[in-house]
Amino acid sequence: MPSIDSKDIHKIIVACDAGMGSSVMLATQLRKQLKSHNVQVEHTPVNSIPADADVVVCHAGLANRARAGAPDKVLISFQVFIGDPAVTGLINTIKNGGTVDA
């Protein structure tokens, strides 16, 4: 199971199926919350996760596809687009230090 130290997180990918709507809002929210930590946040289709991603964030329904496309990346899956504990945990770990586990 991949893991990464928070200081090594430079690029987060919010992977989605259709590319519109709620996942775009989540990417925007992450971008704002992590702006002072120099973490780049991008939004891409789940089938096009870039090789330079450090962490992939996606809805639980897409987790298997994301894991298949980026097996060596830390994957954070969530149930709720806004306020999900998994995403909140990622943000807190980046801000406060620690290790993020897939």
C-alpha atoms as a PDB file:
ATOM      1  CA  MET A   1       0.000   0.000   0.000  1.00  0.00           C
ATOM      2  CA  PRO A   2       1.631   3.284  -1.083  1.00  0.00           C
ATOM      3  CA  SER A   3       2.242   6.080   1.404  1.00  0.00           C
ATOM      4  CA  ILE A   4       3.833   9.525   1.185  1.00  0.00           C
ATOM      5  CA  ASP A   5       5.163  12.043   3.664  1.00  0.00           C
ATOM      6  CA  SER A   6       3.186  15.277   3.606  1.00  0.00           C
ATOM      7  CA  LYS A   7       6.296  17.321   2.762  1.00  0.00           C
ATOM      8  CA  ASP A   8       6.653  15.295  -0.460  1.00  0.00           C
ATOM      9  CA  ILE A   9       3.137  16.105  -1.720  1.00  0.00           C
ATOM     10  CA  HIS A  10       3.429  18.615  -4.539  1.00  0.00           C
ATOM     11  CA  LYS A  11       0.635  17.553  -6.867  1.00  0.00           C
ATOM     12  CA  ILE A  12      -2.854  16.265  -6.062  1.00  0.00           C
ATOM     13  CA  ILE A  13      -5.142  14.990  -8.793  1.00  0.00           C
ATOM     14  CA  VAL A  14      -8.896  14.999  -8.290  1.00  0.00           C
ATOM     15  CA  ALA A  15      -9.969  12.242 -10.660  1.00  0.00           C
ATOM     16  CA  CYS A  16     -13.518  12.057 -11.928  1.00  0.00           C
ATOM     17  CA  ASP A  17     -15.645  10.229 -14.443  1.00  0.00           C
ATOM     18  CA  ALA A  18     -17.367  12.956 -16.457  1.00  0.00           C
ATOM     19  CA  GLY A  19     -15.186  15.966 -15.658  1.00  0.00           C
ATOM     20  CA  MET A  20     -17.883  18.377 -14.581  1.00  0.00           C
ATOM     21  CA  GLY A  21     -19.722  19.447 -11.473  1.00  0.00           C
ATOM     22  CA  SER A  22     -18.928  18.304  -7.967  1.00  0.00           C
ATOM     23  CA  SER A  23     -15.401  17.060  -8.544  1.00  0.00           C
ATOM     24  CA  VAL A  24     -14.451  20.436 -10.042  1.00  0.00           C
ATOM     25  CA  MET A  25     -15.788  22.090  -6.884  1.00  0.00           C
ATOM     26  CA  LEU A  26     -13.716  19.718  -4.752  1.00  0.00           C
ATOM     27  CA  ALA A  27     -10.560  20.520  -6.746  1.00  0.00           C
ATOM     28  CA  THR A  28     -11.230  24.246  -6.290  1.00  0.00           C
ATOM     29  CA  GLN A  29     -11.782  23.774  -2.554  1.00  0.00           C
ATOM     30  CA  LEU A  30      -8.527  21.814  -2.189  1.00  0.00           C
ATOM     31  CA  ARG A  31      -6.636  24.407  -4.236  1.00  0.00           C
ATOM     32  CA  LYS A  32      -7.823  27.203  -1.929  1.00  0.00           C
ATOM     33  CA  GLN A  33      -7.140  25.313   1.293  1.00  0.00           C
ATOM     34  CA  LEU A  34      -3.637  24.229   0.244  1.00  0.00           C
ATOM     35  CA  LYS A  35      -2.539  27.402  -1.556  1.00  0.00           C
ATOM     36  CA  SER A  36      -0.104  28.436   1.175  1.00  0.00           C
ATOM     37  CA  HIS A  37       1.473  24.943   1.133  1.00  0.00           C
ATOM     38  CA  ASN A  38       2.538  25.113  -2.537  1.00  0.00           C
ATOM     39  CA  VAL A  39       0.505  22.062  -3.492  1.00  0.00           C
ATOM     40  CA  GLN A  40      -0.740  22.013  -7.062  1.00  0.00           C
ATOM     41  CA  VAL A  41      -4.275  20.629  -7.476  1.00  0.00           C
ATOM     42  CA  GLU A  42      -5.542  19.504 -10.872  1.00  0.00           C
ATOM     43  CA  HIS A  43      -8.744  17.930 -12.094  1.00  0.00           C
ATOM     44  CA  THR A  44      -8.498  15.081 -14.634  1.00  0.00           C
ATOM     45  CA  PRO A  45     -10.525  12.124 -15.906  1.00  0.00           C
ATOM     46  CA  VAL A  46      -9.931   8.944 -13.926  1.00  0.00           C
ATOM     47  CA  ASN A  47      -8.512   7.256 -17.037  1.00  0.00           C
ATOM     48  CA  SER A  48      -5.903  10.029 -17.517  1.00  0.00           C
ATOM     49  CA  ILE A  49      -4.108  10.338 -14.176  1.00  0.00           C
ATOM     50  CA  PRO A  50      -0.722  11.953 -14.894  1.00  0.00           C
ATOM     51  CA  ALA A  51       2.489  10.185 -13.920  1.00  0.00           C
ATOM     52  CA  ASP A  52       3.680  13.139 -11.819  1.00  0.00           C
ATOM     53  CA  ALA A  53       0.728  12.965  -9.411  1.00  0.00           C
ATOM     54  CA  ASP A  54       1.660  12.419  -5.772  1.00  0.00           C
ATOM     55  CA  VAL A  55      -1.857  11.799  -4.458  1.00  0.00           C
ATOM     56  CA  VAL A  56      -5.065  10.901  -6.286  1.00  0.00           C
ATOM     57  CA  VAL A  57      -8.415  11.860  -4.763  1.00  0.00           C
ATOM     58  CA  CYS A  58     -11.571  10.306  -6.214  1.00  0.00           C
ATOM     59  CA  HIS A  59     -15.067   9.167  -5.337  1.00  0.00           C
ATOM     60  CA  ALA A  60     -15.220   5.652  -3.897  1.00  0.00           C
ATOM     61  CA  GLY A  61     -17.163   4.494  -6.963  1.00  0.00           C
ATOM     62  CA  LEU A  62     -14.119   5.277  -9.124  1.00  0.00           C
ATOM     63  CA  ALA A  63     -11.438   3.967  -6.761  1.00  0.00           C
ATOM     64  CA  ASN A  64     -10.845   0.674  -8.583  1.00  0.00           C
ATOM     65  CA  ARG A  65     -10.391   2.436 -11.926  1.00  0.00           C
ATOM     66  CA  ALA A  66      -8.044   5.001 -10.369  1.00  0.00           C
ATOM     67  CA  ARG A  67      -6.028   2.275  -8.632  1.00  0.00           C
ATOM     68  CA  ALA A  68      -5.719   0.343 -11.901  1.00  0.00           C
ATOM     69  CA  GLY A  69      -4.527   3.440 -13.768  1.00  0.00           C
ATOM     70  CA  ALA A  70      -2.126   4.653 -11.081  1.00  0.00           C
ATOM     71  CA  PRO A  71      -1.228   1.671  -8.871  1.00  0.00           C
ATOM     72  CA  ASP A  72       1.862   3.317  -7.374  1.00  0.00           C
ATOM     73  CA  LYS A  73       0.051   6.500  -6.242  1.00  0.00           C
ATOM     74  CA  VAL A  74      -1.516   7.207  -2.877  1.00  0.00           C
ATOM     75  CA  LEU A  75      -5.277   7.036  -3.420  1.00  0.00           C
ATOM     76  CA  ILE A  76      -7.740   8.840  -1.167  1.00  0.00           C
ATOM     77  CA  SER A  77     -11.315   7.776  -1.872  1.00  0.00           C
ATOM     78  CA  PHE A  78     -14.295   9.636  -0.484  1.00  0.00           C
ATOM     79  CA  GLN A  79     -18.070   9.236  -0.256  1.00  0.00           C
ATOM     80  CA  VAL A  80     -19.205  12.876  -0.012  1.00  0.00           C
ATOM     81  CA  PHE A  81     -17.849  15.633  -2.263  1.00  0.00           C
ATOM     82  CA  ILE A  82     -17.845  18.369   0.381  1.00  0.00           C
ATOM     83  CA  GLY A  83     -16.794  17.721   3.975  1.00  0.00           C
ATOM     84  CA  ASP A  84     -15.762  14.071   3.631  1.00  0.00           C
ATOM     85  CA  PRO A  85     -13.547  12.907   6.543  1.00  0.00           C
ATOM     86  CA  ALA A  86     -11.003  11.300   4.175  1.00  0.00           C
ATOM     87  CA  VAL A  87     -10.441  14.590   2.320  1.00  0.00           C
ATOM     88  CA  THR A  88     -10.403  16.561   5.583  1.00  0.00           C
ATOM     89  CA  GLY A  89      -7.773  14.152   6.908  1.00  0.00           C
ATOM     90  CA  LEU A  90      -5.622  14.670   3.810  1.00  0.00           C
ATOM     91  CA  ILE A  91      -5.823  18.453   4.165  1.00  0.00           C
ATOM     92  CA  ASN A  92      -4.984  18.320   7.885  1.00  0.00           C
ATOM     93  CA  THR A  93      -2.025  16.013   7.304  1.00  0.00           C
ATOM     94  CA  ILE A  94      -0.583  18.286   4.625  1.00  0.00           C
ATOM     95  CA  LYS A  95      -1.038  21.341   6.849  1.00  0.00           C
ATOM     96  CA  ASN A  96       0.248  19.738  10.065  1.00  0.00           C
ATOM     97  CA  GLY A  97       2.730  17.161   8.776  1.00  0.00           C
ATOM     98  CA  GLY A  98       2.635  13.394   8.819  1.00  0.00           C
ATOM     99  CA  THR A  99       2.221  10.490   6.466  1.00  0.00           C
ATOM    100  CA  VAL A 100      -0.629   9.957   4.042  1.00  0.00           C
ATOM    101  CA  ASP A 101      -1.499   6.303   3.420  1.00  0.00           C
ATOM    102  CA  ALA A 102      -3.503   4.936   0.528  1.00  0.00           C
END
